[in-house]
């Protein structure tokens, strides 16, 4: 008979992919916009986020509405934008 693959390592019973430690702070802010009323663009997000500090990068993708990741140079900047 064939073997079934469950996505777990047989020796450790842990998932193959581990999530990064969520307690560690990072300098990326995730926006989730559900049912946007107007187009969400890089320019719109940059205008919103630049008041908190320098924005390094913005990535927009469609998943559960619209999601965007905004990267700041410093973790301390994120505290201001929340």
Protein backbone atom coordinates (compact mmCIF):
# COMPACT_ATOMS: atom_id res chain seq x y z
CA UNK A 1 0.00 0.00 0.00
CA UNK A 2 1.04 3.65 -0.46
CA UNK A 3 2.08 6.01 2.29
CA UNK A 4 0.01 8.97 3.37
CA UNK A 5 1.78 12.27 3.87
CA UNK A 6 0.45 14.33 6.72
CA UNK A 7 2.82 17.30 6.56
CA UNK A 8 4.46 16.26 9.83
CA UNK A 9 7.92 14.92 10.43
CA UNK A 10 7.56 11.35 11.71
CA UNK A 11 10.40 11.71 14.22
CA UNK A 12 9.46 15.00 15.88
CA UNK A 13 5.73 15.34 15.07
CA UNK A 14 6.28 19.03 14.23
CA UNK A 15 5.06 20.76 11.07
CA UNK A 16 7.68 20.97 8.31
CA UNK A 17 7.35 24.74 8.05
CA UNK A 18 7.82 26.62 11.27
CA UNK A 19 6.38 30.06 11.77
CA UNK A 20 8.81 32.77 12.75
CA UNK A 21 8.81 33.70 16.40
CA UNK A 22 5.91 36.14 16.64
CA UNK A 23 7.24 37.71 19.83
CA UNK A 24 10.22 39.22 18.03
CA UNK A 25 9.52 42.77 16.85
CA UNK A 26 10.05 43.61 13.21
CA UNK A 27 9.86 46.73 11.09
CA UNK A 28 7.08 45.66 8.71
CA UNK A 29 3.47 46.70 9.17
CA UNK A 30 0.71 44.64 7.55
CA UNK A 31 -2.43 46.43 6.38
CA UNK A 32 -5.59 44.47 5.57
CA UNK A 33 -8.29 46.44 3.75
CA UNK A 34 -11.56 44.57 3.32
CA UNK A 35 -14.02 45.91 0.74
CA UNK A 36 -12.05 49.02 -0.22
CA UNK A 37 -14.22 51.88 -1.44
CA UNK A 38 -11.53 53.24 -3.76
CA UNK A 39 -8.31 51.86 -5.30
CA UNK A 40 -5.52 51.24 -2.82
CA UNK A 41 -2.27 52.34 -4.44
CA UNK A 42 1.32 52.72 -3.34
CA UNK A 43 0.85 56.50 -3.41
CA UNK A 44 -2.18 56.33 -1.10
CA UNK A 45 -0.39 54.10 1.42
CA UNK A 46 2.78 56.18 1.24
CA UNK A 47 0.79 59.34 2.01
CA UNK A 48 -0.81 57.64 5.02
CA UNK A 49 2.41 56.10 6.34
CA UNK A 50 4.99 58.81 5.72
CA UNK A 51 3.70 60.91 8.62
CA UNK A 52 5.12 58.23 10.95
CA UNK A 53 8.58 58.30 9.40
CA UNK A 54 10.57 57.21 6.40
CA UNK A 55 8.99 54.38 4.38
CA UNK A 56 11.43 51.99 2.74
CA UNK A 57 9.13 49.73 0.76
CA UNK A 58 5.46 49.07 0.06
CA UNK A 59 4.09 45.84 -1.38
CA UNK A 60 0.40 45.46 -2.27
CA UNK A 61 -1.31 42.16 -3.02
CA UNK A 62 -4.86 40.85 -3.19
CA UNK A 63 -5.69 38.33 -0.49
CA UNK A 64 -8.84 38.55 1.62
CA UNK A 65 -9.54 41.97 0.17
CA UNK A 66 -6.36 43.98 -0.27
CA UNK A 67 -3.27 43.53 1.86
CA UNK A 68 -0.16 45.65 1.92
CA UNK A 69 3.15 45.39 3.71
CA UNK A 70 4.88 48.63 4.59
CA UNK A 71 8.53 48.46 5.63
CA UNK A 72 10.10 51.07 7.87
CA UNK A 73 13.83 51.44 8.60
CA UNK A 74 13.38 51.36 12.38
CA UNK A 75 11.13 49.34 14.67
CA UNK A 76 10.54 52.47 16.78
CA UNK A 77 8.81 54.09 13.78
CA UNK A 78 6.08 51.42 13.90
CA UNK A 79 5.00 52.44 17.37
CA UNK A 80 4.06 55.84 15.99
CA UNK A 81 1.98 54.48 13.11
CA UNK A 82 -0.24 52.05 14.98
